[in-house]
Amino acid sequence: MRAARLPKQRPPQARLMVIDADGRIRHAARTGFIDYLRAGDLVIANDAATLPASLHGRHAASGAAIEVRLAGQRSFSAQDFGQFSAILFGAGDYHTETEARPAPPVVAAGDRLLFGALAARVQGLLGHPRLLSLRFDGSAGEIWAGLAHQGRPIQYAHVAQALALWDVWTPIAGMPVAFEPPSAGFVLDWQQLAKMRERGVHFATITHAAGISSTGDRQLDQSLPFAEAYRIPRATAAAIRRARARGARVIAIGTTVVRALEHAAAPGRAGQVRAGDGVADQRIGSATRLHVVDAILSGTHEMGTSHFQLLRAFTDDATLAQANAELESDGYRTHEFGDSVLIERRRQLHAAAGWR
């Protein structure tokens, strides 16, 4: 696959690979993804807006130039605002691949990091010298203002031009809590949502603090995805109950939706979820028994990534290997502005879930 290098969310030439419940593979235009939905289906998307989570500044003790990429927060509560986990980088910016960035200065608990008028203190290390717990100085309003003035969207070298916030906000973006865009949702627009409604397809949202996709460190990347806060509205939990009652599918727009819904799966109540806030800290892969989600619309992901591992919960490795070969040979584009895949859970995996 080749990287999508332009920050265009819905290019007319975007493509869609469809893998059905029997493992059959088809190719289509992504604009036609709603043709693969059925009346009664429930489509659930992540409505998180993306923070300007990349901050350039300096390490006060050494004077060294740094970049901090915010990577997570414990909850959406006001009392936790201003406290984040973060990845520390040395001097440089997104023009250099993360793996080639110079090492950052050594930091310790109590060190101050300065980003113009915004400042933060290192509260401690989280098991790795580049994975930090930070707390920003000031009130919530001052922190928001500092992020708005000093921050930029997290960006990688495959996109040459600097990203603006509107490049990484989905059309349904609401609460700004994501650290990288829930980019599977780029496929949506209001026209498509209207068509879905006309066809009897239901739509609901959750909010999930989508985390970073790469740290530039092999050891840290093995820990991805980090724990991520989410919120499931009561209306969405109720919509899932109704979908189950009518025997309809639940289709997740993106890996973050799968993580949230499966983490919130109600014990002993097949296919239902608990409403409210939580932190998705589980790893989803080939050994995972999915309880809620029947299909996923996702970006194309390279083998070995944490996003690809999640797709293994939906279909077998042989099918994914064939799909990957076709993605490569047919020139699909990857990364956040790339093409998409729609994968329905394999029929035998459906049966193993035990609810139908």
Protein backbone atom coordinates (compact mmCIF):
# COMPACT_ATOMS: atom_id res chain seq x y z
CA MET A 1 0.00 0.00 0.00
CA ARG A 2 1.05 3.58 -0.49
CA ALA A 3 0.58 6.44 1.94
CA ALA A 4 -2.17 8.97 1.31
CA ARG A 5 -0.20 12.21 1.16
CA LEU A 6 -2.93 14.84 0.80
CA PRO A 7 -5.16 15.89 3.72
CA LYS A 8 -8.44 15.39 1.88
CA GLN A 9 -11.08 13.52 3.86
CA ARG A 10 -13.43 12.45 1.08
CA PRO A 11 -11.60 12.39 -2.24
CA PRO A 12 -13.88 11.23 -5.05
CA GLN A 13 -11.48 8.41 -5.99
CA ALA A 14 -11.44 6.87 -2.49
CA ARG A 15 -11.87 3.10 -2.55
CA LEU A 16 -13.51 0.50 -0.35
CA MET A 17 -12.64 -3.16 0.12
CA VAL A 18 -15.57 -5.22 1.42
CA ILE A 19 -15.05 -8.54 3.23
CA ASP A 20 -18.34 -10.29 3.95
CA ALA A 21 -19.24 -12.84 6.61
CA ASP A 22 -18.09 -15.71 4.38
CA GLY A 23 -14.69 -14.12 3.73
CA ARG A 24 -15.50 -13.05 0.17
CA ILE A 25 -13.64 -9.94 -0.97
CA ARG A 26 -15.07 -7.24 -3.23
CA HIS A 27 -13.87 -3.81 -4.33
CA ALA A 28 -16.01 -0.70 -4.60
CA ALA A 29 -15.99 3.07 -4.52
CA ARG A 30 -16.02 4.27 -0.92
CA THR A 31 -18.88 6.66 -1.64
CA GLY A 32 -21.03 3.55 -2.10
CA PHE A 33 -20.41 2.07 1.34
CA ILE A 34 -24.04 2.61 2.34
CA ASP A 35 -25.01 0.14 -0.40
CA TYR A 36 -23.56 -2.56 1.86
CA LEU A 37 -25.78 -1.56 4.79
CA ARG A 38 -29.18 -3.12 5.43
CA ALA A 39 -32.40 -1.59 6.65
CA GLY A 40 -32.41 -1.88 10.42
CA ASP A 41 -28.61 -1.82 10.80
CA LEU A 42 -27.22 0.43 13.53
CA VAL A 43 -24.12 2.40 12.52
CA ILE A 44 -22.11 3.89 15.41
CA ALA A 45 -19.40 6.53 14.96
CA ASN A 46 -16.96 8.34 17.25
CA ASP A 47 -17.90 12.02 17.56
CA ALA A 48 -14.69 13.12 19.32
CA ALA A 49 -13.06 16.25 17.94
CA THR A 50 -9.27 16.25 17.66
CA LEU A 51 -7.09 18.30 20.01
CA PRO A 52 -4.08 20.31 18.83
CA ALA A 53 -2.03 17.74 20.75
CA SER A 54 1.48 18.43 19.38
CA LEU A 55 3.35 21.05 21.39
CA HIS A 56 6.83 22.40 20.61
CA GLY A 57 8.88 24.03 23.33
CA ARG A 58 11.85 23.44 25.57
CA HIS A 59 12.91 21.49 28.62
CA ALA A 60 13.50 24.15 31.26
CA ALA A 61 16.34 22.35 33.09
CA SER A 62 18.50 21.74 30.01
CA GLY A 63 17.18 24.32 27.57
CA ALA A 64 16.84 21.55 24.95
CA ALA A 65 14.23 21.83 22.23
CA ILE A 66 11.43 19.27 22.56
CA GLU A 67 8.11 18.21 21.15
CA VAL A 68 5.42 16.71 23.36
CA ARG A 69 2.55 14.74 21.87
CA LEU A 70 -0.35 14.36 24.24
CA ALA A 71 -1.43 10.73 24.29
CA GLY A 72 -4.16 10.15 26.86
CA GLN A 73 -6.15 11.33 29.86
CA ARG A 74 -7.78 9.38 32.67
CA SER A 75 -11.30 10.65 32.13
CA PHE A 76 -13.41 13.45 30.69
CA SER A 77 -14.14 14.89 34.15
CA ALA A 78 -13.27 18.51 34.91
CA GLN A 79 -11.04 17.50 37.81
CA ASP A 80 -8.78 15.48 35.47
CA PHE A 81 -8.52 18.19 32.83
CA GLY A 82 -4.97 19.44 32.46
CA GLN A 83 -3.41 16.08 33.34
CA PHE A 84 -2.26 13.96 30.41
CA SER A 85 0.03 11.14 29.46
CA ALA A 86 2.39 12.27 26.71
CA ILE A 87 5.18 11.11 24.44
CA LEU A 88 8.41 13.15 24.50
CA PHE A 89 10.40 13.80 21.31
CA GLY A 90 13.69 15.61 20.72
CA ALA A 91 14.20 18.56 18.40
CA GLY A 92 12.55 18.48 14.99
CA ASP A 93 9.07 18.17 13.57
CA TYR A 94 6.80 15.99 11.48
CA HIS A 95 8.98 16.35 8.37
CA THR A 96 11.27 13.72 9.91
CA GLU A 97 9.89 10.23 10.40
CA THR A 98 9.22 9.52 14.05
CA GLU A 99 11.73 6.65 14.09
CA ALA A 100 14.48 9.00 12.89
CA ARG A 101 13.88 11.83 15.35
CA PRO A 102 16.78 12.67 17.71
CA ALA A 103 16.56 11.50 21.31
CA PRO A 104 14.92 13.93 23.75
CA PRO A 105 16.65 15.20 26.90
CA VAL A 106 16.45 13.05 30.02
CA VAL A 107 13.58 14.28 32.18
CA ALA A 108 12.52 13.51 35.72
CA ALA A 109 9.56 14.11 38.00
CA GLY A 110 9.30 17.79 38.85
CA ASP A 111 10.88 19.06 35.60
CA ARG A 112 9.12 21.91 33.84
CA LEU A 113 8.34 21.94 30.14
CA LEU A 114 7.72 25.32 28.53
CA PHE A 115 5.56 25.94 25.45
CA GLY A 116 5.40 29.69 25.02
CA ALA A 117 2.85 30.99 27.53
CA LEU A 118 1.83 27.41 28.38
CA ALA A 119 3.81 25.37 30.90
CA ALA A 120 3.58 21.86 32.34
CA ARG A 121 5.29 19.91 35.09
CA VAL A 122 6.40 16.29 34.74
CA GLN A 123 4.61 14.30 37.42
CA GLY A 124 6.46 11.10 36.67
CA LEU A 125 7.51 8.54 34.07
CA LEU A 126 5.07 5.82 33.00
CA GLY A 127 7.41 2.88 32.62
CA HIS A 128 9.50 4.40 29.82
CA PRO A 129 11.82 7.47 29.71
CA ARG A 130 9.75 9.03 26.90
CA LEU A 131 6.28 8.28 28.28
CA LEU A 132 5.38 11.01 30.75
CA SER A 133 2.60 12.03 33.09
CA LEU A 134 2.14 15.81 32.78
CA ARG A 135 0.04 18.41 34.48
CA PHE A 136 -0.36 21.84 32.88
CA ASP A 137 -0.29 25.02 34.92
CA GLY A 138 -3.27 27.34 35.16
CA SER A 139 -7.03 27.22 34.99
CA ALA A 140 -9.01 25.21 32.44
CA GLY A 141 -9.55 28.36 30.40
CA GLU A 142 -5.83 29.17 30.41
CA ILE A 143 -4.93 25.62 29.38
CA TRP A 144 -7.46 25.65 26.54
CA ALA A 145 -6.11 28.99 25.35
CA GLY A 146 -2.55 27.69 25.54
CA LEU A 147 -3.35 24.57 23.55
CA ALA A 148 -5.17 26.64 20.94
CA HIS A 149 -2.25 29.06 20.54
CA GLN A 150 0.71 26.69 20.91
CA GLY A 151 -0.60 23.34 19.74
CA ARG A 152 -0.86 21.75 16.31
CA PRO A 153 -2.51 18.52 15.21
CA ILE A 154 -0.25 15.50 15.60
CA GLN A 155 1.22 14.80 12.20
CA TYR A 156 3.50 12.28 10.47
CA ALA A 157 5.97 12.62 7.63
CA HIS A 158 3.78 11.05 4.92
CA VAL A 159 1.71 14.27 4.66
CA ALA A 160 4.00 17.07 3.51
CA GLN A 161 1.87 20.11 4.27
CA ALA A 162 1.07 21.26 7.79
CA LEU A 163 -2.32 20.06 9.00
CA ALA A 164 -4.95 22.47 10.27
CA LEU A 165 -7.55 21.47 12.83
CA TRP A 166 -10.29 21.42 10.20
CA ASP A 167 -8.28 18.79 8.32
CA VAL A 168 -8.60 16.38 11.25
CA TRP A 169 -12.12 17.07 12.55
CA THR A 170 -14.79 14.72 11.24
CA PRO A 171 -18.11 16.27 10.10
CA ILE A 172 -19.77 15.03 13.32
CA ALA A 173 -17.00 16.26 15.66
CA GLY A 174 -18.19 17.38 19.09
CA MET A 175 -16.21 17.29 22.35
CA PRO A 176 -12.46 17.88 21.75
CA VAL A 177 -10.90 14.87 23.45
CA ALA A 178 -9.17 12.86 20.67
CA PHE A 179 -5.39 13.03 20.33
CA GLU A 180 -5.39 11.84 16.74
CA PRO A 181 -8.46 11.95 14.51
CA PRO A 182 -10.98 9.09 14.59
CA SER A 183 -10.28 9.05 10.88
CA ALA A 184 -12.58 6.19 9.88
CA GLY A 185 -15.30 8.82 10.36
CA PHE A 186 -13.90 10.89 7.51
CA VAL A 187 -16.08 8.75 5.22
CA LEU A 188 -19.21 10.32 6.72
CA ASP A 189 -20.91 13.52 5.66
CA TRP A 190 -24.40 14.89 6.25
CA GLN A 191 -25.58 13.81 2.80
CA GLN A 192 -24.58 10.21 3.51
CA LEU A 193 -26.24 10.30 6.92
CA ALA A 194 -29.45 11.51 5.27
CA LYS A 195 -29.29 8.66 2.74
CA MET A 196 -28.77 6.17 5.55
CA ARG A 197 -31.86 7.45 7.30
CA GLU A 198 -33.89 7.24 4.09
CA ARG A 199 -32.88 3.59 3.74
CA GLY A 200 -33.89 2.70 7.28
CA VAL A 201 -30.33 2.53 8.64
CA HIS A 202 -30.03 3.85 12.20
CA PHE A 203 -27.17 6.04 13.43
CA ALA A 204 -25.73 6.76 16.88
CA THR A 205 -22.49 8.06 18.37
CA ILE A 206 -20.06 7.47 21.19
CA THR A 207 -17.16 9.69 22.29
CA HIS A 208 -13.75 8.05 22.50
CA ALA A 209 -10.40 9.77 23.08
CA ALA A 210 -8.62 8.26 20.08
CA GLY A 211 -4.95 7.90 20.91
CA ILE A 212 -1.72 8.11 18.97
CA SER A 213 -0.82 5.59 16.28
CA SER A 214 2.99 5.70 16.52
CA THR A 215 5.59 6.80 19.07
CA GLY A 216 8.74 6.31 17.02
CA ASP A 217 9.99 3.79 19.59
CA ARG A 218 9.63 0.07 18.93
CA GLN A 219 9.23 -0.81 22.60
CA LEU A 220 6.57 1.82 23.18
CA ASP A 221 4.75 0.90 19.99
CA GLN A 222 4.34 -2.62 21.36
CA SER A 223 2.18 -1.08 24.11
CA LEU A 224 -0.24 0.56 21.68
CA PRO A 225 -3.07 1.22 21.91
CA PHE A 226 -2.79 2.95 25.26
CA ALA A 227 -5.77 3.06 27.61
CA GLU A 228 -8.34 5.50 26.22
CA ALA A 229 -11.28 7.21 27.91
CA TYR A 230 -14.74 6.92 26.36
CA ARG A 231 -18.35 7.92 26.95
CA ILE A 232 -21.39 5.98 25.76
CA PRO A 233 -24.65 7.97 25.85
CA ARG A 234 -27.77 6.32 27.21
CA ALA A 235 -29.42 6.88 23.85
CA THR A 236 -26.70 4.85 22.12
CA ALA A 237 -26.93 2.00 24.64
CA ALA A 238 -30.70 1.97 24.09
CA ALA A 239 -30.23 1.97 20.30
CA ILE A 240 -28.00 -1.11 20.63
CA ARG A 241 -30.67 -2.89 22.70
CA ARG A 242 -33.27 -2.11 20.04
CA ALA A 243 -30.97 -3.32 17.26
CA ARG A 244 -30.45 -6.60 19.06
CA ALA A 245 -34.20 -6.99 19.60
CA ARG A 246 -34.85 -6.70 15.87
CA GLY A 247 -31.91 -8.96 14.94
CA ALA A 248 -30.00 -6.17 13.22
CA ARG A 249 -26.25 -5.65 12.89
CA VAL A 250 -24.17 -3.16 14.87
CA ILE A 251 -21.55 -1.59 12.60
CA ALA A 252 -18.65 0.36 14.11
CA ILE A 253 -17.07 3.26 12.25
CA GLY A 254 -13.47 2.77 13.33
CA THR A 255 -11.40 0.81 15.81
CA THR A 256 -12.09 3.27 18.63
CA VAL A 257 -15.80 2.46 18.50
CA VAL A 258 -15.04 -1.26 18.70
CA ARG A 259 -12.78 -0.73 21.73
CA ALA A 260 -15.37 1.34 23.58
CA LEU A 261 -18.38 -0.88 22.86
CA GLU A 262 -16.60 -4.14 23.62
CA HIS A 263 -15.14 -2.73 26.85
CA ALA A 264 -18.63 -1.64 27.91
CA ALA A 265 -20.27 -4.95 27.01
CA ALA A 266 -22.74 -5.81 29.78
CA PRO A 267 -21.84 -9.10 31.51
CA GLY A 268 -24.50 -11.75 30.99
CA ARG A 269 -26.52 -9.54 28.62
CA ALA A 270 -25.40 -10.56 25.16
CA GLY A 271 -24.97 -7.72 22.71
CA GLN A 272 -25.76 -4.93 25.17
CA VAL A 273 -23.54 -2.23 26.64
CA ARG A 274 -23.41 -0.12 29.79
CA ALA A 275 -23.98 3.59 29.26
CA GLY A 276 -21.61 6.08 30.87
CA ASP A 277 -17.89 6.74 31.09
CA GLY A 278 -15.09 4.19 31.03
CA VAL A 279 -11.49 3.59 30.03
CA ALA A 280 -10.82 1.03 27.29
CA ASP A 281 -7.67 -0.74 28.41
CA GLN A 282 -8.09 -4.09 26.69
CA ARG A 283 -6.25 -5.46 23.66
CA ILE A 284 -8.49 -6.78 20.88
CA GLY A 285 -7.18 -9.39 18.48
CA SER A 286 -7.62 -12.87 17.08
CA ALA A 287 -8.38 -14.38 20.51
CA THR A 288 -11.08 -11.80 21.30
CA ARG A 289 -14.69 -12.89 21.37
CA LEU A 290 -16.71 -9.91 20.18
CA HIS A 291 -19.95 -9.39 22.08
CA VAL A 292 -21.42 -6.25 20.49
CA VAL A 293 -19.97 -5.30 17.11
CA ASP A 294 -20.82 -7.24 13.95
CA ALA A 295 -18.88 -5.28 11.34
CA ILE A 296 -16.29 -2.52 11.15
CA LEU A 297 -15.63 0.23 8.63
CA SER A 298 -11.99 1.16 9.07
CA GLY A 299 -9.01 2.62 7.32
CA THR A 300 -6.52 0.29 5.66
CA HIS A 301 -3.86 -0.75 8.17
CA GLU A 302 -0.44 -2.29 7.68
CA MET A 303 0.14 -5.75 9.08
CA GLY A 304 1.70 -5.70 12.54
CA THR A 305 0.09 -2.47 13.70
CA SER A 306 -2.27 -2.40 16.68
CA HIS A 307 -5.12 -1.35 14.38
CA PHE A 308 -4.50 -4.37 12.14
CA GLN A 309 -4.44 -6.66 15.18
CA LEU A 310 -7.96 -5.51 16.05
CA LEU A 311 -9.22 -6.53 12.60
CA ARG A 312 -8.19 -10.12 13.42
CA ALA A 313 -11.21 -10.28 15.77
CA PHE A 314 -13.49 -9.98 12.73
CA THR A 315 -12.04 -12.46 10.27
CA ASP A 316 -9.37 -15.14 10.02
CA ASP A 317 -5.72 -14.62 9.21
CA ALA A 318 -5.94 -16.31 5.83
CA THR A 319 -8.64 -13.87 4.70
CA LEU A 320 -6.69 -10.91 6.04
CA ALA A 321 -3.56 -12.10 4.26
CA GLN A 322 -5.47 -12.34 0.98
CA ALA A 323 -7.01 -8.92 1.61
CA ASN A 324 -3.61 -7.41 2.35
CA ALA A 325 -2.21 -8.86 -0.89
CA GLU A 326 -5.06 -7.31 -2.86
CA LEU A 327 -4.69 -3.98 -1.07
CA GLU A 328 -1.03 -4.00 -2.10
CA SER A 329 -1.51 -5.14 -5.68
CA ASP A 330 -4.43 -2.78 -6.31
CA GLY A 331 -2.61 0.28 -4.93
CA TYR A 332 -4.91 1.12 -2.02
CA ARG A 333 -3.84 4.11 0.05
CA THR A 334 -3.19 3.82 3.76
CA HIS A 335 -3.01 6.13 6.81
CA GLU A 336 -5.66 8.56 7.99
CA PHE A 337 -6.55 10.10 4.62
CA GLY A 338 -6.41 6.78 2.79
CA ASP A 339 -8.93 4.24 1.58
CA SER A 340 -11.23 2.05 3.67
CA VAL A 341 -12.22 -1.53 4.42
CA LEU A 342 -15.62 -2.85 5.54
CA ILE A 343 -15.26 -6.18 7.34
CA GLU A 344 -18.18 -8.24 8.56
CA ARG A 345 -17.51 -10.71 11.35
CA ARG A 346 -16.94 -14.20 9.94
CA ARG A 347 -20.04 -16.35 10.14
CA GLN A 348 -18.42 -18.97 12.37
CA LEU A 349 -17.25 -16.20 14.70
CA HIS A 350 -20.84 -14.94 14.86
CA ALA A 351 -21.98 -18.39 15.94
CA ALA A 352 -19.24 -18.57 18.59
CA ALA A 353 -20.52 -15.35 20.16
CA GLY A 354 -23.52 -17.32 21.33
CA TRP A 355 -26.33 -14.81 20.88
CA ARG A 356 -27.47 -15.74 17.39
